[in-house]
Amino acid sequence: MPLENPFYTPEIQGPYELRSIGRFELEEGGVIPDLQLAVATFGELNEARDNAILVPTWFSGTHATWWQVYIGEGRALDPTKWFIAVVNQIGNGLSTSPHTTDDPSIAMSRFPQVRIGDDVRAQEQLMREHYGVERFALVVGGSMGAQQTWEWAVRYPDKVLRAAPIAGTAQNTPHDTLFAKTLMDAITSDPGWAGGEYASHEDVRDGLTRHADIWATMGLTTDFWKTEFWRGIPPIAEGLEFSTYEEFQQNFVRALFTMMDPNALLTMAWKWQRGRNRQDLWIGEFYGLFAVSSTW
């Protein structure tokens, strides 16, 4: 039975639709019997279907930050000009995830291992079958979204007119691999995790809190803290305001991560660790993709 978690609701994340692409075979050999992808769309697809922008999501993230910050008239991604589809990655808590599936064969600790390539293949199938989009004016993503963007560029070069990977590499670094392992260990070392069979994300609060503290020191930069960039970030909710960096850590970073599902974070972290573009040695293939048109 799926676990309830209010963090992964439209009330918190903003509107989205679940789109099924059916049985989906994964690169590691596992299968998701009915893969449902959570997608949020903005703007209108034109008759030629050539104004589509695809946005994959980052670690722990959803479509929420994109519509809150980057999507809007006059913003970087303008829905008055473009049809923008933000597709939540597999296992992120909105698309099919360990705690959301009602299929006992893949629920919780039995959820199969997912790779970056799986996300990209699923996104391509979703956009082709449900929206009739065969080519994208732009694929753009940050961090793990950038890993997916790189994969898009080499797996489907004829479908990507422009690619913009932000703060992400085609091949994961040893440093990132160790960072992700530390984040995972913070969760799995909590006895409440129970081998991935917890009854509620609240059972793993201590592990999620440690995860948040590690993220604050490694996921956020020295300059983020030194310049007090956090002062410009709105509170998550009323009563969670902050005026010092200690309060920001408690009322924002910890509060945010302790709302999340542990197995969803672990699924994404395992994927992040193994982010290696399957054709990353063909670096010459990228040159044409990043010659961005002056008319953009």
C-alpha atoms as a PDB file:
ATOM      1  CA  MET A   1       0.000   0.000   0.000  1.00  0.00           C
ATOM      2  CA  PRO A   2       1.436   3.437  -0.913  1.00  0.00           C
ATOM      3  CA  LEU A   3       2.614   5.623   1.954  1.00  0.00           C
ATOM      4  CA  GLU A   4       0.940   8.978   2.369  1.00  0.00           C
ATOM      5  CA  ASN A   5       3.233  11.992   2.325  1.00  0.00           C
ATOM      6  CA  PRO A   6       1.745  15.483   1.925  1.00  0.00           C
ATOM      7  CA  PHE A   7       5.029  16.835   0.529  1.00  0.00           C
ATOM      8  CA  TYR A   8       4.312  15.093  -2.770  1.00  0.00           C
ATOM      9  CA  THR A   9       0.896  16.607  -3.411  1.00  0.00           C
ATOM     10  CA  PRO A  10      -0.242  19.306  -5.861  1.00  0.00           C
ATOM     11  CA  GLU A  11      -0.972  21.546  -2.879  1.00  0.00           C
ATOM     12  CA  ILE A  12       2.768  21.644  -2.116  1.00  0.00           C
ATOM     13  CA  GLN A  13       4.369  21.021  -5.503  1.00  0.00           C
ATOM     14  CA  GLY A  14       1.890  22.703  -7.806  1.00  0.00           C
ATOM     15  CA  PRO A  15      -0.345  21.066 -10.452  1.00  0.00           C
ATOM     16  CA  TYR A  16       0.890  18.072 -12.411  1.00  0.00           C
ATOM     17  CA  GLU A  17      -0.495  15.101 -14.330  1.00  0.00           C
ATOM     18  CA  LEU A  18       0.455  11.446 -14.064  1.00  0.00           C
ATOM     19  CA  ARG A  19       0.976   9.924 -17.510  1.00  0.00           C
ATOM     20  CA  SER A  20       1.411   6.172 -17.915  1.00  0.00           C
ATOM     21  CA  ILE A  21       3.827   4.803 -20.484  1.00  0.00           C
ATOM     22  CA  GLY A  22       3.097   1.203 -19.517  1.00  0.00           C
ATOM     23  CA  ARG A  23       5.570  -1.575 -18.838  1.00  0.00           C
ATOM     24  CA  PHE A  24       9.097  -0.179 -18.760  1.00  0.00           C
ATOM     25  CA  GLU A  25      12.254  -2.270 -18.838  1.00  0.00           C
ATOM     26  CA  LEU A  26      15.255  -0.738 -17.070  1.00  0.00           C
ATOM     27  CA  GLU A  27      18.912  -0.777 -18.064  1.00  0.00           C
ATOM     28  CA  GLU A  28      19.893  -2.691 -14.906  1.00  0.00           C
ATOM     29  CA  GLY A  29      17.478  -5.483 -15.772  1.00  0.00           C
ATOM     30  CA  GLY A  30      14.537  -4.525 -13.563  1.00  0.00           C
ATOM     31  CA  VAL A  31      11.029  -3.727 -14.725  1.00  0.00           C
ATOM     32  CA  ILE A  32       8.426  -1.177 -13.684  1.00  0.00           C
ATOM     33  CA  PRO A  33       5.123  -2.812 -14.714  1.00  0.00           C
ATOM     34  CA  ASP A  34       3.295   0.491 -15.147  1.00  0.00           C
ATOM     35  CA  LEU A  35       5.599   3.500 -15.196  1.00  0.00           C
ATOM     36  CA  GLN A  36       3.784   6.749 -14.475  1.00  0.00           C
ATOM     37  CA  LEU A  37       5.597  10.007 -15.047  1.00  0.00           C
ATOM     38  CA  ALA A  38       4.537  13.201 -13.301  1.00  0.00           C
ATOM     39  CA  VAL A  39       4.640  16.053 -15.792  1.00  0.00           C
ATOM     40  CA  ALA A  40       3.785  19.729 -15.478  1.00  0.00           C
ATOM     41  CA  THR A  41       3.259  21.667 -18.694  1.00  0.00           C
ATOM     42  CA  PHE A  42       3.214  25.397 -19.362  1.00  0.00           C
ATOM     43  CA  GLY A  43       2.261  27.245 -22.543  1.00  0.00           C
ATOM     44  CA  GLU A  44       0.787  25.872 -25.765  1.00  0.00           C
ATOM     45  CA  LEU A  45       2.287  23.492 -28.277  1.00  0.00           C
ATOM     46  CA  ASN A  46       2.100  25.135 -31.678  1.00  0.00           C
ATOM     47  CA  GLU A  47       0.722  23.475 -34.808  1.00  0.00           C
ATOM     48  CA  ALA A  48       4.201  22.631 -36.100  1.00  0.00           C
ATOM     49  CA  ARG A  49       5.104  21.136 -32.695  1.00  0.00           C
ATOM     50  CA  ASP A  50       8.501  22.824 -32.871  1.00  0.00           C
ATOM     51  CA  ASN A  51       8.313  25.087 -29.808  1.00  0.00           C
ATOM     52  CA  ALA A  52       8.747  22.406 -27.127  1.00  0.00           C
ATOM     53  CA  ILE A  53      11.198  22.702 -24.248  1.00  0.00           C
ATOM     54  CA  LEU A  54      11.925  19.720 -22.004  1.00  0.00           C
ATOM     55  CA  VAL A  55      13.085  20.151 -18.408  1.00  0.00           C
ATOM     56  CA  PRO A  56      14.283  17.105 -16.393  1.00  0.00           C
ATOM     57  CA  THR A  57      14.497  17.472 -12.598  1.00  0.00           C
ATOM     58  CA  TRP A  58      17.450  17.404 -10.178  1.00  0.00           C
ATOM     59  CA  PHE A  59      18.225  15.418  -7.028  1.00  0.00           C
ATOM     60  CA  SER A  60      15.437  15.801  -4.436  1.00  0.00           C
ATOM     61  CA  GLY A  61      13.741  18.323  -6.710  1.00  0.00           C
ATOM     62  CA  THR A  62      10.419  18.428  -8.499  1.00  0.00           C
ATOM     63  CA  HIS A  63       8.802  20.694 -11.062  1.00  0.00           C
ATOM     64  CA  ALA A  64       8.013  23.159  -8.251  1.00  0.00           C
ATOM     65  CA  THR A  65      11.224  25.198  -8.324  1.00  0.00           C
ATOM     66  CA  TRP A  66      10.973  25.591 -12.077  1.00  0.00           C
ATOM     67  CA  TRP A  67       7.541  27.217 -12.038  1.00  0.00           C
ATOM     68  CA  GLN A  68       8.380  29.210  -8.916  1.00  0.00           C
ATOM     69  CA  VAL A  69      11.592  30.726 -10.314  1.00  0.00           C
ATOM     70  CA  TYR A  70      12.288  30.093 -13.984  1.00  0.00           C
ATOM     71  CA  ILE A  71       8.997  29.705 -15.848  1.00  0.00           C
ATOM     72  CA  GLY A  72       6.769  32.690 -16.544  1.00  0.00           C
ATOM     73  CA  GLU A  73       6.199  35.575 -18.908  1.00  0.00           C
ATOM     74  CA  GLY A  74       9.422  37.561 -19.167  1.00  0.00           C
ATOM     75  CA  ARG A  75      11.414  34.846 -17.401  1.00  0.00           C
ATOM     76  CA  ALA A  76      14.078  32.575 -18.871  1.00  0.00           C
ATOM     77  CA  LEU A  77      11.438  30.042 -19.930  1.00  0.00           C
ATOM     78  CA  ASP A  78       8.525  32.051 -21.266  1.00  0.00           C
ATOM     79  CA  PRO A  79       5.287  30.066 -21.738  1.00  0.00           C
ATOM     80  CA  THR A  80       3.871  32.760 -24.019  1.00  0.00           C
ATOM     81  CA  LYS A  81       6.479  31.628 -26.567  1.00  0.00           C
ATOM     82  CA  TRP A  82       7.263  28.038 -25.676  1.00  0.00           C
ATOM     83  CA  PHE A  83       5.555  24.812 -24.668  1.00  0.00           C
ATOM     84  CA  ILE A  84       7.479  23.766 -21.563  1.00  0.00           C
ATOM     85  CA  ALA A  85       7.250  20.271 -20.105  1.00  0.00           C
ATOM     86  CA  VAL A  86       8.895  19.588 -16.746  1.00  0.00           C
ATOM     87  CA  VAL A  87       9.130  15.824 -16.306  1.00  0.00           C
ATOM     88  CA  ASN A  88       9.839  14.550 -12.802  1.00  0.00           C
ATOM     89  CA  GLN A  89      12.518  11.884 -12.800  1.00  0.00           C
ATOM     90  CA  ILE A  90      11.683   8.280 -11.969  1.00  0.00           C
ATOM     91  CA  GLY A  91      11.714   7.686  -8.227  1.00  0.00           C
ATOM     92  CA  ASN A  92      11.586  11.331  -7.152  1.00  0.00           C
ATOM     93  CA  GLY A  93       8.369  10.968  -5.146  1.00  0.00           C
ATOM     94  CA  LEU A  94       5.957  12.152  -7.846  1.00  0.00           C
ATOM     95  CA  SER A  95       6.696   9.878 -10.775  1.00  0.00           C
ATOM     96  CA  THR A  96       6.542   6.158  -9.900  1.00  0.00           C
ATOM     97  CA  SER A  97       8.579   5.796  -6.701  1.00  0.00           C
ATOM     98  CA  PRO A  98       9.217   3.215  -3.974  1.00  0.00           C
ATOM     99  CA  HIS A  99       6.577   4.641  -1.634  1.00  0.00           C
ATOM    100  CA  THR A 100       3.950   5.573  -4.260  1.00  0.00           C
ATOM    101  CA  THR A 101       3.465   2.325  -6.149  1.00  0.00           C
ATOM    102  CA  ASP A 102       0.674  -0.054  -5.245  1.00  0.00           C
ATOM    103  CA  ASP A 103       2.546  -2.921  -6.913  1.00  0.00           C
ATOM    104  CA  PRO A 104       4.058  -5.001  -4.071  1.00  0.00           C
ATOM    105  CA  SER A 105       6.677  -6.469  -6.406  1.00  0.00           C
ATOM    106  CA  ILE A 106       8.473  -3.107  -6.638  1.00  0.00           C
ATOM    107  CA  ALA A 107       7.313  -1.283  -3.499  1.00  0.00           C
ATOM    108  CA  MET A 108       9.716   0.164  -0.935  1.00  0.00           C
ATOM    109  CA  SER A 109      12.949  -1.893  -0.615  1.00  0.00           C
ATOM    110  CA  ARG A 110      12.051  -3.900  -3.733  1.00  0.00           C
ATOM    111  CA  PHE A 111      12.120  -0.890  -6.044  1.00  0.00           C
ATOM    112  CA  PRO A 112      14.414  -1.608  -9.005  1.00  0.00           C
ATOM    113  CA  GLN A 113      17.613   0.286  -9.747  1.00  0.00           C
ATOM    114  CA  VAL A 114      17.172   3.155 -12.184  1.00  0.00           C
ATOM    115  CA  ARG A 115      19.767   4.904 -14.311  1.00  0.00           C
ATOM    116  CA  ILE A 116      19.934   8.292 -16.018  1.00  0.00           C
ATOM    117  CA  GLY A 117      19.442   6.593 -19.377  1.00  0.00           C
ATOM    118  CA  ASP A 118      16.160   5.122 -18.141  1.00  0.00           C
ATOM    119  CA  ASP A 119      14.834   8.587 -17.360  1.00  0.00           C
ATOM    120  CA  VAL A 120      15.765   9.885 -20.786  1.00  0.00           C
ATOM    121  CA  ARG A 121      14.229   6.921 -22.637  1.00  0.00           C
ATOM    122  CA  ALA A 122      11.058   7.302 -20.572  1.00  0.00           C
ATOM    123  CA  GLN A 123      10.862  11.034 -21.259  1.00  0.00           C
ATOM    124  CA  GLU A 124      11.311  10.486 -24.984  1.00  0.00           C
ATOM    125  CA  GLN A 125       8.507   7.912 -25.019  1.00  0.00           C
ATOM    126  CA  LEU A 126       6.239  10.127 -22.924  1.00  0.00           C
ATOM    127  CA  MET A 127       6.664  13.209 -25.085  1.00  0.00           C
ATOM    128  CA  ARG A 128       6.335  11.292 -28.346  1.00  0.00           C
ATOM    129  CA  GLU A 129       3.330   9.175 -27.383  1.00  0.00           C
ATOM    130  CA  HIS A 130       1.344  11.635 -25.260  1.00  0.00           C
ATOM    131  CA  TYR A 131       2.216  14.992 -26.851  1.00  0.00           C
ATOM    132  CA  GLY A 132       3.358  14.133 -30.366  1.00  0.00           C
ATOM    133  CA  VAL A 133       6.698  15.895 -29.834  1.00  0.00           C
ATOM    134  CA  GLU A 134       9.527  14.447 -31.921  1.00  0.00           C
ATOM    135  CA  ARG A 135      12.054  17.264 -31.580  1.00  0.00           C
ATOM    136  CA  PHE A 136      12.874  19.820 -28.886  1.00  0.00           C
ATOM    137  CA  ALA A 137      13.898  23.440 -29.308  1.00  0.00           C
ATOM    138  CA  LEU A 138      15.740  23.045 -25.996  1.00  0.00           C
ATOM    139  CA  VAL A 139      16.464  20.478 -23.322  1.00  0.00           C
ATOM    140  CA  VAL A 140      17.628  22.172 -20.120  1.00  0.00           C
ATOM    141  CA  GLY A 141      18.303  20.880 -16.629  1.00  0.00           C
ATOM    142  CA  GLY A 142      20.441  21.510 -13.579  1.00  0.00           C
ATOM    143  CA  SER A 143      22.563  19.056 -11.562  1.00  0.00           C
ATOM    144  CA  MET A 144      20.954  15.620 -12.093  1.00  0.00           C
ATOM    145  CA  GLY A 145      18.777  17.380 -14.644  1.00  0.00           C
ATOM    146  CA  ALA A 146      22.002  18.298 -16.418  1.00  0.00           C
ATOM    147  CA  GLN A 147      23.087  14.649 -16.355  1.00  0.00           C
ATOM    148  CA  GLN A 148      19.857  13.842 -18.177  1.00  0.00           C
ATOM    149  CA  THR A 149      20.386  16.747 -20.580  1.00  0.00           C
ATOM    150  CA  TRP A 150      23.824  15.418 -21.566  1.00  0.00           C
ATOM    151  CA  GLU A 151      22.284  11.991 -22.109  1.00  0.00           C
ATOM    152  CA  TRP A 152      19.566  13.485 -24.281  1.00  0.00           C
ATOM    153  CA  ALA A 153      22.197  15.218 -26.422  1.00  0.00           C
ATOM    154  CA  VAL A 154      24.007  12.011 -27.368  1.00  0.00           C
ATOM    155  CA  ARG A 155      21.225   9.431 -27.181  1.00  0.00           C
ATOM    156  CA  TYR A 156      18.815  11.454 -29.335  1.00  0.00           C
ATOM    157  CA  PRO A 157      20.959  14.031 -31.200  1.00  0.00           C
ATOM    158  CA  ASP A 158      18.389  14.415 -33.975  1.00  0.00           C
ATOM    159  CA  LYS A 159      15.705  15.302 -31.437  1.00  0.00           C
ATOM    160  CA  VAL A 160      17.634  18.032 -29.567  1.00  0.00           C
ATOM    161  CA  LEU A 161      18.151  21.355 -31.330  1.00  0.00           C
ATOM    162  CA  ARG A 162      19.746  22.968 -28.282  1.00  0.00           C
ATOM    163  CA  ALA A 163      20.962  21.509 -24.977  1.00  0.00           C
ATOM    164  CA  ALA A 164      21.769  23.462 -21.814  1.00  0.00           C
ATOM    165  CA  PRO A 165      23.215  21.290 -19.025  1.00  0.00           C
ATOM    166  CA  ILE A 166      23.677  23.483 -15.930  1.00  0.00           C
ATOM    167  CA  ALA A 167      26.066  22.462 -13.119  1.00  0.00           C
ATOM    168  CA  GLY A 168      26.195  18.824 -14.149  1.00  0.00           C
ATOM    169  CA  THR A 169      28.619  16.515 -15.936  1.00  0.00           C
ATOM    170  CA  ALA A 170      28.340  13.814 -18.591  1.00  0.00           C
ATOM    171  CA  GLN A 171      30.347  11.523 -16.311  1.00  0.00           C
ATOM    172  CA  ASN A 172      30.022  11.653 -12.547  1.00  0.00           C
ATOM    173  CA  THR A 173      33.175  12.513 -10.612  1.00  0.00           C
ATOM    174  CA  PRO A 174      34.685  10.422  -7.769  1.00  0.00           C
ATOM    175  CA  HIS A 175      34.017  13.364  -5.450  1.00  0.00           C
ATOM    176  CA  ASP A 176      30.319  13.392  -6.319  1.00  0.00           C
ATOM    177  CA  THR A 177      30.125   9.626  -5.953  1.00  0.00           C
ATOM    178  CA  LEU A 178      31.533   9.836  -2.423  1.00  0.00           C
ATOM    179  CA  PHE A 179      29.290  12.789  -1.597  1.00  0.00           C
ATOM    180  CA  ALA A 180      26.216  10.848  -2.661  1.00  0.00           C
ATOM    181  CA  LYS A 181      27.345   7.814  -0.646  1.00  0.00           C
ATOM    182  CA  THR A 182      27.637   9.954   2.479  1.00  0.00           C
ATOM    183  CA  LEU A 183      24.127  11.285   1.911  1.00  0.00           C
ATOM    184  CA  MET A 184      22.830   7.744   1.495  1.00  0.00           C
ATOM    185  CA  ASP A 185      24.636   6.469   4.583  1.00  0.00           C
ATOM    186  CA  ALA A 186      23.069   9.235   6.666  1.00  0.00           C
ATOM    187  CA  ILE A 187      19.650   7.771   5.847  1.00  0.00           C
ATOM    188  CA  THR A 188      20.376   4.053   5.942  1.00  0.00           C
ATOM    189  CA  SER A 189      22.223   4.294   9.272  1.00  0.00           C
ATOM    190  CA  ASP A 190      18.982   5.384  10.973  1.00  0.00           C
ATOM    191  CA  PRO A 191      17.413   2.288  12.604  1.00  0.00           C
ATOM    192  CA  GLY A 192      14.027   3.725  11.626  1.00  0.00           C
ATOM    193  CA  TRP A 193      14.856   3.149   7.964  1.00  0.00           C
ATOM    194  CA  ALA A 194      14.357  -0.570   8.684  1.00  0.00           C
ATOM    195  CA  GLY A 195      16.029  -1.776   5.522  1.00  0.00           C
ATOM    196  CA  GLY A 196      13.713   0.411   3.463  1.00  0.00           C
ATOM    197  CA  GLU A 197      10.510  -0.932   5.019  1.00  0.00           C
ATOM    198  CA  TYR A 198       9.579   1.980   7.309  1.00  0.00           C
ATOM    199  CA  ALA A 199       5.913   2.788   7.915  1.00  0.00           C
ATOM    200  CA  SER A 200       6.332   6.554   7.505  1.00  0.00           C
ATOM    201  CA  HIS A 201       9.059   8.967   6.454  1.00  0.00           C
ATOM    202  CA  GLU A 202       8.751  10.342   9.991  1.00  0.00           C
ATOM    203  CA  ASP A 203      10.340   7.106  11.236  1.00  0.00           C
ATOM    204  CA  VAL A 204      13.562   8.187   9.536  1.00  0.00           C
ATOM    205  CA  ARG A 205      13.629  11.772  10.807  1.00  0.00           C
ATOM    206  CA  ASP A 206      17.074  11.444  12.398  1.00  0.00           C
ATOM    207  CA  GLY A 207      18.578  10.097   9.188  1.00  0.00           C
ATOM    208  CA  LEU A 208      16.891  12.749   7.067  1.00  0.00           C
ATOM    209  CA  THR A 209      18.153  15.435   9.448  1.00  0.00           C
ATOM    210  CA  ARG A 210      21.742  14.177   9.093  1.00  0.00           C
ATOM    211  CA  HIS A 211      21.204  14.086   5.333  1.00  0.00           C
ATOM    212  CA  ALA A 212      20.084  17.733   5.437  1.00  0.00           C
ATOM    213  CA  ASP A 213      23.108  18.804   7.487  1.00  0.00           C
ATOM    214  CA  ILE A 214      25.514  17.169   5.047  1.00  0.00           C
ATOM    215  CA  TRP A 215      23.687  18.813   2.168  1.00  0.00           C
ATOM    216  CA  ALA A 216      24.021  22.217   3.828  1.00  0.00           C
ATOM    217  CA  THR A 217      27.808  21.926   3.952  1.00  0.00           C
ATOM    218  CA  MET A 218      28.417  20.247   0.579  1.00  0.00           C
ATOM    219  CA  GLY A 219      25.352  20.946  -1.555  1.00  0.00           C
ATOM    220  CA  LEU A 220      25.428  24.646  -0.719  1.00  0.00           C
ATOM    221  CA  THR A 221      28.615  26.617  -1.328  1.00  0.00           C
ATOM    222  CA  THR A 222      30.851  28.711   0.903  1.00  0.00           C
ATOM    223  CA  ASP A 223      29.736  31.805  -1.008  1.00  0.00           C
ATOM    224  CA  PHE A 224      26.065  30.888  -0.447  1.00  0.00           C
ATOM    225  CA  TRP A 225      26.637  31.178   3.302  1.00  0.00           C
ATOM    226  CA  LYS A 226      29.244  33.962   3.242  1.00  0.00           C
ATOM    227  CA  THR A 227      27.138  36.328   1.133  1.00  0.00           C
ATOM    228  CA  GLU A 228      23.962  35.443   3.054  1.00  0.00           C
ATOM    229  CA  PHE A 229      22.237  34.551  -0.202  1.00  0.00           C
ATOM    230  CA  TRP A 230      19.742  32.621   1.895  1.00  0.00           C
ATOM    231  CA  ARG A 231      18.175  35.905   3.062  1.00  0.00           C
ATOM    232  CA  GLY A 232      16.467  36.232  -0.328  1.00  0.00           C
ATOM    233  CA  ILE A 233      14.839  32.804  -0.138  1.00  0.00           C
ATOM    234  CA  PRO A 234      11.198  32.801   1.004  1.00  0.00           C
ATOM    235  CA  PRO A 235      10.220  30.613   3.978  1.00  0.00           C
ATOM    236  CA  ILE A 236       8.715  27.196   3.288  1.00  0.00           C
ATOM    237  CA  ALA A 237       5.681  28.015   5.390  1.00  0.00           C
ATOM    238  CA  GLU A 238       4.336  30.459   7.927  1.00  0.00           C
ATOM    239  CA  GLY A 239       6.101  30.004  11.237  1.00  0.00           C
ATOM    240  CA  LEU A 240       9.338  28.839   9.587  1.00  0.00           C
ATOM    241  CA  GLU A 241      10.882  32.257   9.052  1.00  0.00           C
ATOM    242  CA  PHE A 242      14.603  32.814   9.606  1.00  0.00           C
ATOM    243  CA  SER A 243      16.926  35.740  10.326  1.00  0.00           C
ATOM    244  CA  THR A 244      20.198  33.922  11.060  1.00  0.00           C
ATOM    245  CA  TYR A 245      22.018  31.202   9.152  1.00  0.00           C
ATOM    246  CA  GLU A 246      21.353  28.797  12.015  1.00  0.00           C
ATOM    247  CA  GLU A 247      17.627  29.457  11.701  1.00  0.00           C
ATOM    248  CA  PHE A 248      17.827  29.011   7.924  1.00  0.00           C
ATOM    249  CA  GLN A 249      19.476  25.642   8.410  1.00  0.00           C
ATOM    250  CA  GLN A 250      16.811  24.536  10.886  1.00  0.00           C
ATOM    251  CA  ASN A 251      13.698  26.092   9.343  1.00  0.00           C
ATOM    252  CA  PHE A 252      14.529  25.611   5.681  1.00  0.00           C
ATOM    253  CA  VAL A 253      17.166  22.961   4.909  1.00  0.00           C
ATOM    254  CA  ARG A 254      16.246  20.549   7.698  1.00  0.00           C
ATOM    255  CA  ALA A 255      12.542  21.274   7.416  1.00  0.00           C
ATOM    256  CA  LEU A 256      12.612  20.611   3.667  1.00  0.00           C
ATOM    257  CA  PHE A 257      14.540  17.340   3.693  1.00  0.00           C
ATOM    258  CA  THR A 258      12.656  15.872   6.636  1.00  0.00           C
ATOM    259  CA  MET A 259       9.461  16.209   4.605  1.00  0.00           C
ATOM    260  CA  MET A 260      10.857  13.950   1.876  1.00  0.00           C
ATOM    261  CA  ASP A 261      10.681  10.210   1.401  1.00  0.00           C
ATOM    262  CA  PRO A 262      13.911   8.370   2.322  1.00  0.00           C
ATOM    263  CA  ASN A 263      13.667   5.689  -0.361  1.00  0.00           C
ATOM    264  CA  ALA A 264      12.989   8.298  -3.023  1.00  0.00           C
ATOM    265  CA  LEU A 265      16.192  10.098  -2.037  1.00  0.00           C
ATOM    266  CA  LEU A 266      18.112   6.812  -2.076  1.00  0.00           C
ATOM    267  CA  THR A 267      16.770   5.896  -5.513  1.00  0.00           C
ATOM    268  CA  MET A 268      17.912   9.233  -6.930  1.00  0.00           C
ATOM    269  CA  ALA A 269      21.281   9.144  -5.145  1.00  0.00           C
ATOM    270  CA  TRP A 270      22.099   5.667  -6.512  1.00  0.00           C
ATOM    271  CA  LYS A 271      21.240   6.957  -9.991  1.00  0.00           C
ATOM    272  CA  TRP A 272      23.292  10.117  -9.476  1.00  0.00           C
ATOM    273  CA  GLN A 273      26.359   8.092  -8.441  1.00  0.00           C
ATOM    274  CA  ARG A 274      26.259   6.151 -11.708  1.00  0.00           C
ATOM    275  CA  GLY A 275      25.622   9.077 -13.989  1.00  0.00           C
ATOM    276  CA  ARG A 276      27.881   8.286 -16.905  1.00  0.00           C
ATOM    277  CA  ASN A 277      26.852   9.207 -20.397  1.00  0.00           C
ATOM    278  CA  ARG A 278      26.867   6.046 -22.462  1.00  0.00           C
ATOM    279  CA  GLN A 279      28.658   7.846 -25.290  1.00  0.00           C
ATOM    280  CA  ASP A 280      30.643  10.401 -23.317  1.00  0.00           C
ATOM    281  CA  LEU A 281      33.818   9.522 -25.228  1.00  0.00           C
ATOM    282  CA  TRP A 282      32.187  10.855 -28.382  1.00  0.00           C
ATOM    283  CA  ILE A 283      32.670  14.398 -27.160  1.00  0.00           C
ATOM    284  CA  GLY A 284      33.048  15.709 -30.709  1.00  0.00           C
ATOM    285  CA  GLU A 285      29.372  14.940 -31.294  1.00  0.00           C
ATOM    286  CA  PHE A 286      28.451  17.739 -28.879  1.00  0.00           C
ATOM    287  CA  TYR A 287      29.948  20.621 -30.857  1.00  0.00           C
ATOM    288  CA  GLY A 288      27.016  21.179 -33.183  1.00  0.00           C
ATOM    289  CA  LEU A 289      24.515  20.807 -30.346  1.00  0.00           C
ATOM    290  CA  PHE A 290      25.931  23.721 -28.374  1.00  0.00           C
ATOM    291  CA  ALA A 291      26.179  26.200 -31.240  1.00  0.00           C
ATOM    292  CA  VAL A 292      23.120  28.012 -29.920  1.00  0.00           C
ATOM    293  CA  SER A 293      21.222  30.038 -32.458  1.00  0.00           C
ATOM    294  CA  SER A 294      21.460  33.813 -32.172  1.00  0.00           C
ATOM    295  CA  THR A 295      17.685  33.965 -32.631  1.00  0.00           C
ATOM    296  CA  TRP A 296      16.975  32.102 -29.372  1.00  0.00           C
END
